[in-house]
Every structure is written in structure tokens, then in C-alpha cells.
Amino acid sequence: MEQSWTAFWTRVSDVAHQALFPFRAIAEAFGGHPSDIQIWCFLCGVFFLSILAIQTYGDAMLRRRGAFATGRVVSIDKSSDGPDTPVIEFADRQGKMWRFDSHLPVNRTTGTVGAPVEVIYDPLHPKRAREVGRRLTKAIHLIVWYAIVAGLFLLAFLPGLISN
């Protein structure tokens, strides 16, 4: 049994190594010789950075042209392994109802279904909506994710942090 597991993981490792060939070739064209884990760290960093860039762009658009509304918590999402998050519904200026999942965990205000919540949304794209307030929680959320991206890029670009 142990030999079959060893053989299986050897094949998985070989496939993962071969899948990185295009990225290794690009790095070597620029004079780098990264390990597989450095390439994976770089790819994960790029993936997380793209998600953060989209969220940061949405936040910038809300600061620029956001409109305010009063919404209400319609449910609490308990489906993920992370903290429970509120699902918030609000009406835009035309009276059309919109619903969004907050990425922030519930608190005293948002922990009850039916609780009123101040919402900022983009009138041009009402699906782009966020809770108003909770600046500290939002700041910590962004700092943690940008720190993860920075850590991944450090691992990817600083030789010697990861042994081959």
C-alpha cells in the first residue's frame, strides 16, 4: 500500500513539475532559475492580487460615485468554513431590489435577520454594493489579504527563503 501511495505522489509531483514548464521557460529567459514552489507562490500571488485589484477597484468606484440606501439583513450565510456573513437586500433609487453577500462577518448590527443596514452602492452597477461603516474590519481584511500576497511574492522572488 505504501509503495502505491509513493508511486501516486511521485506521478502527481511529475505532472505538477511538467505543468510549470512554460513559466519556468519564461523565468529562465529572464535569467532566473526558480524552484517549482517559487513558481507556484508567484502564480498564487498573481491570482490573489487580481481578486484584490477587482475588489479595490469596486471600492474606489463606490467612493467616487456611490449612493446610499438603507437595506436589511435577509439571511445569514453559514455555508462556508469561515465566519458567518450577512446577506443584505436594498432598494436602489428606482425602487428595484438588489441583494448581495457581505464579505464581512456578522456583528451586533448584522447578526439578526431583518436588522437595518446602511448600504453604499454604485448607481451604474447596483450589484456593486457594500455595508457602510466598519472601517476597522474592512481595513484589517484588506491588510491581511495584501500581506498574504506580499508574502507569496517574497517567497517567489527571494532566493534562499525556500530550499529546493
C-alpha atoms as a PDB file:
ATOM      1  CA  MET A   1       0.000   0.000   0.000  1.00  0.00           C
ATOM      2  CA  GLU A   2       2.804   2.396   0.913  1.00  0.00           C
ATOM      3  CA  GLN A   3       4.515   1.779  -2.429  1.00  0.00           C
ATOM      4  CA  SER A   4       1.340   2.606  -4.359  1.00  0.00           C
ATOM      5  CA  TRP A   5       0.948   5.885  -2.440  1.00  0.00           C
ATOM      6  CA  THR A   6       4.571   6.747  -3.055  1.00  0.00           C
ATOM      7  CA  ALA A   7       4.185   5.980  -6.749  1.00  0.00           C
ATOM      8  CA  PHE A   8       0.976   8.025  -6.912  1.00  0.00           C
ATOM      9  CA  TRP A   9       2.540  11.105  -5.289  1.00  0.00           C
ATOM     10  CA  THR A  10       5.618  10.746  -7.487  1.00  0.00           C
ATOM     11  CA  ARG A  11       3.373  10.881 -10.565  1.00  0.00           C
ATOM     12  CA  VAL A  12       1.471  13.877  -9.167  1.00  0.00           C
ATOM     13  CA  SER A  13       4.765  15.652  -8.490  1.00  0.00           C
ATOM     14  CA  ASP A  14       5.998  14.925 -12.015  1.00  0.00           C
ATOM     15  CA  VAL A  15       2.769  16.202 -13.586  1.00  0.00           C
ATOM     16  CA  ALA A  16       2.891  19.381 -11.476  1.00  0.00           C
ATOM     17  CA  HIS A  17       6.540  19.887 -12.439  1.00  0.00           C
ATOM     18  CA  GLN A  18       5.746  19.472 -16.143  1.00  0.00           C
ATOM     19  CA  ALA A  19       2.731  21.810 -15.889  1.00  0.00           C
ATOM     20  CA  LEU A  20       5.092  24.567 -14.774  1.00  0.00           C
ATOM     21  CA  PHE A  21       7.324  24.245 -17.853  1.00  0.00           C
ATOM     22  CA  PRO A  22       6.006  27.384 -19.639  1.00  0.00           C
ATOM     23  CA  PHE A  23       6.517  29.503 -16.540  1.00  0.00           C
ATOM     24  CA  ARG A  24       9.960  28.021 -15.900  1.00  0.00           C
ATOM     25  CA  ALA A  25      10.935  28.746 -19.522  1.00  0.00           C
ATOM     26  CA  ILE A  26       9.826  32.382 -19.191  1.00  0.00           C
ATOM     27  CA  ALA A  27      11.761  32.777 -15.927  1.00  0.00           C
ATOM     28  CA  GLU A  28      14.882  31.229 -17.460  1.00  0.00           C
ATOM     29  CA  ALA A  29      14.585  33.568 -20.464  1.00  0.00           C
ATOM     30  CA  PHE A  30      14.931  36.432 -17.961  1.00  0.00           C
ATOM     31  CA  GLY A  31      17.893  34.783 -16.234  1.00  0.00           C
ATOM     32  CA  GLY A  32      16.022  33.238 -13.298  1.00  0.00           C
ATOM     33  CA  HIS A  33      16.108  29.641 -12.121  1.00  0.00           C
ATOM     34  CA  PRO A  34      13.113  29.322  -9.786  1.00  0.00           C
ATOM     35  CA  SER A  35      12.083  26.165  -7.987  1.00  0.00           C
ATOM     36  CA  ASP A  36       8.634  24.701  -8.512  1.00  0.00           C
ATOM     37  CA  ILE A  37       7.412  26.089  -5.195  1.00  0.00           C
ATOM     38  CA  GLN A  38       8.611  29.583  -6.146  1.00  0.00           C
ATOM     39  CA  ILE A  39       6.631  29.398  -9.385  1.00  0.00           C
ATOM     40  CA  TRP A  40       3.532  28.186  -7.505  1.00  0.00           C
ATOM     41  CA  CYS A  41       3.917  31.034  -4.993  1.00  0.00           C
ATOM     42  CA  PHE A  42       4.151  33.519  -7.859  1.00  0.00           C
ATOM     43  CA  LEU A  43       1.052  32.111  -9.589  1.00  0.00           C
ATOM     44  CA  CYS A  44      -0.968  32.107  -6.350  1.00  0.00           C
ATOM     45  CA  GLY A  45       0.198  35.671  -5.646  1.00  0.00           C
ATOM     46  CA  VAL A  46      -0.937  36.808  -9.093  1.00  0.00           C
ATOM     47  CA  PHE A  47      -4.306  35.082  -8.604  1.00  0.00           C
ATOM     48  CA  PHE A  48      -4.948  36.685  -5.194  1.00  0.00           C
ATOM     49  CA  LEU A  49      -3.676  40.057  -6.416  1.00  0.00           C
ATOM     50  CA  SER A  50      -6.147  40.010  -9.309  1.00  0.00           C
ATOM     51  CA  ILE A  51      -9.034  39.318  -6.918  1.00  0.00           C
ATOM     52  CA  LEU A  52      -7.855  42.109  -4.613  1.00  0.00           C
ATOM     53  CA  ALA A  53      -7.462  44.501  -7.542  1.00  0.00           C
ATOM     54  CA  ILE A  54     -11.066  43.879  -8.603  1.00  0.00           C
ATOM     55  CA  GLN A  55     -12.290  44.469  -5.041  1.00  0.00           C
ATOM     56  CA  THR A  56     -10.144  47.589  -4.632  1.00  0.00           C
ATOM     57  CA  TYR A  57     -11.434  48.944  -7.955  1.00  0.00           C
ATOM     58  CA  GLY A  58     -15.015  48.355  -6.789  1.00  0.00           C
ATOM     59  CA  ASP A  59     -14.310  50.178  -3.529  1.00  0.00           C
ATOM     60  CA  ALA A  60     -12.783  53.105  -5.447  1.00  0.00           C
ATOM     61  CA  MET A  61     -15.859  53.335  -7.685  1.00  0.00           C
ATOM     62  CA  LEU A  62     -18.110  53.322  -4.619  1.00  0.00           C
ATOM     63  CA  ARG A  63     -16.142  56.197  -3.059  1.00  0.00           C
ATOM     64  CA  ARG A  64     -16.345  58.090  -6.348  1.00  0.00           C
ATOM     65  CA  ARG A  65     -19.996  57.715  -7.288  1.00  0.00           C
ATOM     66  CA  GLY A  66     -21.652  55.742  -4.507  1.00  0.00           C
ATOM     67  CA  ALA A  67     -25.254  56.264  -3.473  1.00  0.00           C
ATOM     68  CA  PHE A  68     -26.613  55.401  -0.047  1.00  0.00           C
ATOM     69  CA  ALA A  69     -29.613  53.292   0.864  1.00  0.00           C
ATOM     70  CA  THR A  70     -30.977  51.502   3.885  1.00  0.00           C
ATOM     71  CA  GLY A  71     -31.047  47.764   3.451  1.00  0.00           C
ATOM     72  CA  ARG A  72     -31.915  44.889   5.695  1.00  0.00           C
ATOM     73  CA  VAL A  73     -30.371  41.555   6.550  1.00  0.00           C
ATOM     74  CA  VAL A  74     -32.425  38.863   4.819  1.00  0.00           C
ATOM     75  CA  SER A  75     -30.367  35.845   5.899  1.00  0.00           C
ATOM     76  CA  ILE A  76     -27.117  34.758   7.475  1.00  0.00           C
ATOM     77  CA  ASP A  77     -24.809  32.688   5.269  1.00  0.00           C
ATOM     78  CA  LYS A  78     -23.376  29.858   7.360  1.00  0.00           C
ATOM     79  CA  SER A  79     -22.319  27.697   4.422  1.00  0.00           C
ATOM     80  CA  SER A  80     -18.573  28.379   4.387  1.00  0.00           C
ATOM     81  CA  ASP A  81     -15.860  27.245   6.768  1.00  0.00           C
ATOM     82  CA  GLY A  82     -15.191  30.895   7.598  1.00  0.00           C
ATOM     83  CA  PRO A  83     -17.237  33.235   9.732  1.00  0.00           C
ATOM     84  CA  ASP A  84     -20.978  33.686   9.193  1.00  0.00           C
ATOM     85  CA  THR A  85     -21.737  36.586   6.834  1.00  0.00           C
ATOM     86  CA  PRO A  86     -24.954  38.549   6.287  1.00  0.00           C
ATOM     87  CA  VAL A  87     -26.946  38.569   3.067  1.00  0.00           C
ATOM     88  CA  ILE A  88     -28.276  42.114   2.607  1.00  0.00           C
ATOM     89  CA  GLU A  89     -31.114  43.373   0.445  1.00  0.00           C
ATOM     90  CA  PHE A  90     -31.727  47.013  -0.518  1.00  0.00           C
ATOM     91  CA  ALA A  91     -33.715  49.109  -2.985  1.00  0.00           C
ATOM     92  CA  ASP A  92     -31.949  51.425  -5.442  1.00  0.00           C
ATOM     93  CA  ARG A  93     -33.210  54.900  -6.420  1.00  0.00           C
ATOM     94  CA  GLN A  94     -35.676  53.391  -8.905  1.00  0.00           C
ATOM     95  CA  GLY A  95     -37.080  51.056  -6.269  1.00  0.00           C
ATOM     96  CA  LYS A  96     -35.576  47.877  -7.747  1.00  0.00           C
ATOM     97  CA  MET A  97     -34.492  45.378  -5.109  1.00  0.00           C
ATOM     98  CA  TRP A  98     -30.897  44.137  -5.043  1.00  0.00           C
ATOM     99  CA  ARG A  99     -29.227  41.540  -2.856  1.00  0.00           C
ATOM    100  CA  PHE A 100     -25.563  40.995  -2.046  1.00  0.00           C
ATOM    101  CA  ASP A 101     -23.464  38.799   0.210  1.00  0.00           C
ATOM    102  CA  SER A 102     -21.324  40.833   2.549  1.00  0.00           C
ATOM    103  CA  HIS A 103     -17.724  39.661   2.804  1.00  0.00           C
ATOM    104  CA  LEU A 104     -17.579  40.909   6.403  1.00  0.00           C
ATOM    105  CA  PRO A 105     -18.516  38.687   9.340  1.00  0.00           C
ATOM    106  CA  VAL A 106     -21.739  39.331  11.230  1.00  0.00           C
ATOM    107  CA  ASN A 107     -21.635  41.691  14.199  1.00  0.00           C
ATOM    108  CA  ARG A 108     -24.211  43.015  16.699  1.00  0.00           C
ATOM    109  CA  THR A 109     -25.908  45.053  13.959  1.00  0.00           C
ATOM    110  CA  THR A 110     -25.911  42.477  11.173  1.00  0.00           C
ATOM    111  CA  GLY A 111     -26.345  39.329  13.256  1.00  0.00           C
ATOM    112  CA  THR A 112     -30.146  39.411  13.210  1.00  0.00           C
ATOM    113  CA  VAL A 113     -32.371  38.733  10.211  1.00  0.00           C
ATOM    114  CA  GLY A 114     -34.427  41.850   9.486  1.00  0.00           C
ATOM    115  CA  ALA A 115     -31.871  44.236  11.007  1.00  0.00           C
ATOM    116  CA  PRO A 116     -31.452  47.537   9.124  1.00  0.00           C
ATOM    117  CA  VAL A 117     -28.058  48.114   7.493  1.00  0.00           C
ATOM    118  CA  GLU A 118     -26.705  51.222   5.772  1.00  0.00           C
ATOM    119  CA  VAL A 119     -25.535  50.343   2.262  1.00  0.00           C
ATOM    120  CA  ILE A 120     -23.449  52.149  -0.323  1.00  0.00           C
ATOM    121  CA  TYR A 121     -23.924  51.044  -3.934  1.00  0.00           C
ATOM    122  CA  ASP A 122     -22.901  52.082  -7.416  1.00  0.00           C
ATOM    123  CA  PRO A 123     -25.948  53.526  -9.237  1.00  0.00           C
ATOM    124  CA  LEU A 124     -24.481  52.400 -12.583  1.00  0.00           C
ATOM    125  CA  HIS A 125     -23.848  48.859 -11.300  1.00  0.00           C
ATOM    126  CA  PRO A 126     -26.096  48.245  -8.258  1.00  0.00           C
ATOM    127  CA  LYS A 127     -24.694  44.740  -7.812  1.00  0.00           C
ATOM    128  CA  ARG A 128     -21.548  46.510  -6.593  1.00  0.00           C
ATOM    129  CA  ALA A 129     -22.659  47.213  -3.035  1.00  0.00           C
ATOM    130  CA  ARG A 130     -21.071  47.161   0.412  1.00  0.00           C
ATOM    131  CA  GLU A 131     -22.006  47.824   4.006  1.00  0.00           C
ATOM    132  CA  VAL A 132     -21.343  51.361   5.197  1.00  0.00           C
ATOM    133  CA  GLY A 133     -19.051  51.719   8.192  1.00  0.00           C
ATOM    134  CA  ARG A 134     -16.999  49.003   9.869  1.00  0.00           C
ATOM    135  CA  ARG A 135     -13.832  50.744   8.692  1.00  0.00           C
ATOM    136  CA  LEU A 136     -11.543  48.865  11.068  1.00  0.00           C
ATOM    137  CA  THR A 137     -12.868  45.462   9.990  1.00  0.00           C
ATOM    138  CA  LYS A 138     -12.571  46.410   6.319  1.00  0.00           C
ATOM    139  CA  ALA A 139      -9.036  47.725   6.825  1.00  0.00           C
ATOM    140  CA  ILE A 140      -7.929  44.572   8.658  1.00  0.00           C
ATOM    141  CA  HIS A 141      -9.483  42.441   5.917  1.00  0.00           C
ATOM    142  CA  LEU A 142      -7.526  44.265   3.197  1.00  0.00           C
ATOM    143  CA  ILE A 143      -4.284  44.376   5.184  1.00  0.00           C
ATOM    144  CA  VAL A 144      -4.381  40.628   5.790  1.00  0.00           C
ATOM    145  CA  TRP A 145      -5.008  39.815   2.120  1.00  0.00           C
ATOM    146  CA  TYR A 146      -2.353  42.225   0.844  1.00  0.00           C
ATOM    147  CA  ALA A 147       0.077  40.749   3.405  1.00  0.00           C
ATOM    148  CA  ILE A 148      -0.656  37.265   2.046  1.00  0.00           C
ATOM    149  CA  VAL A 149       0.067  38.477  -1.491  1.00  0.00           C
ATOM    150  CA  ALA A 150       3.272  40.195  -0.353  1.00  0.00           C
ATOM    151  CA  GLY A 151       4.360  37.024   1.456  1.00  0.00           C
ATOM    152  CA  LEU A 152       3.734  34.907  -1.621  1.00  0.00           C
ATOM    153  CA  PHE A 153       5.773  37.297  -3.780  1.00  0.00           C
ATOM    154  CA  LEU A 154       8.589  37.322  -1.204  1.00  0.00           C
ATOM    155  CA  LEU A 155       8.700  33.534  -1.315  1.00  0.00           C
ATOM    156  CA  ALA A 156       8.617  33.622  -5.115  1.00  0.00           C
ATOM    157  CA  PHE A 157      11.349  36.217  -5.665  1.00  0.00           C
ATOM    158  CA  LEU A 158      13.782  35.957  -2.780  1.00  0.00           C
ATOM    159  CA  PRO A 159      16.106  33.017  -3.366  1.00  0.00           C
ATOM    160  CA  GLY A 160      17.071  31.106  -0.268  1.00  0.00           C
ATOM    161  CA  LEU A 161      13.739  31.505   1.550  1.00  0.00           C
ATOM    162  CA  ILE A 162      12.601  28.182   0.139  1.00  0.00           C
ATOM    163  CA  SER A 163      15.026  25.316  -0.172  1.00  0.00           C
ATOM    164  CA  ASN A 164      14.837  23.318  -3.389  1.00  0.00           C
END
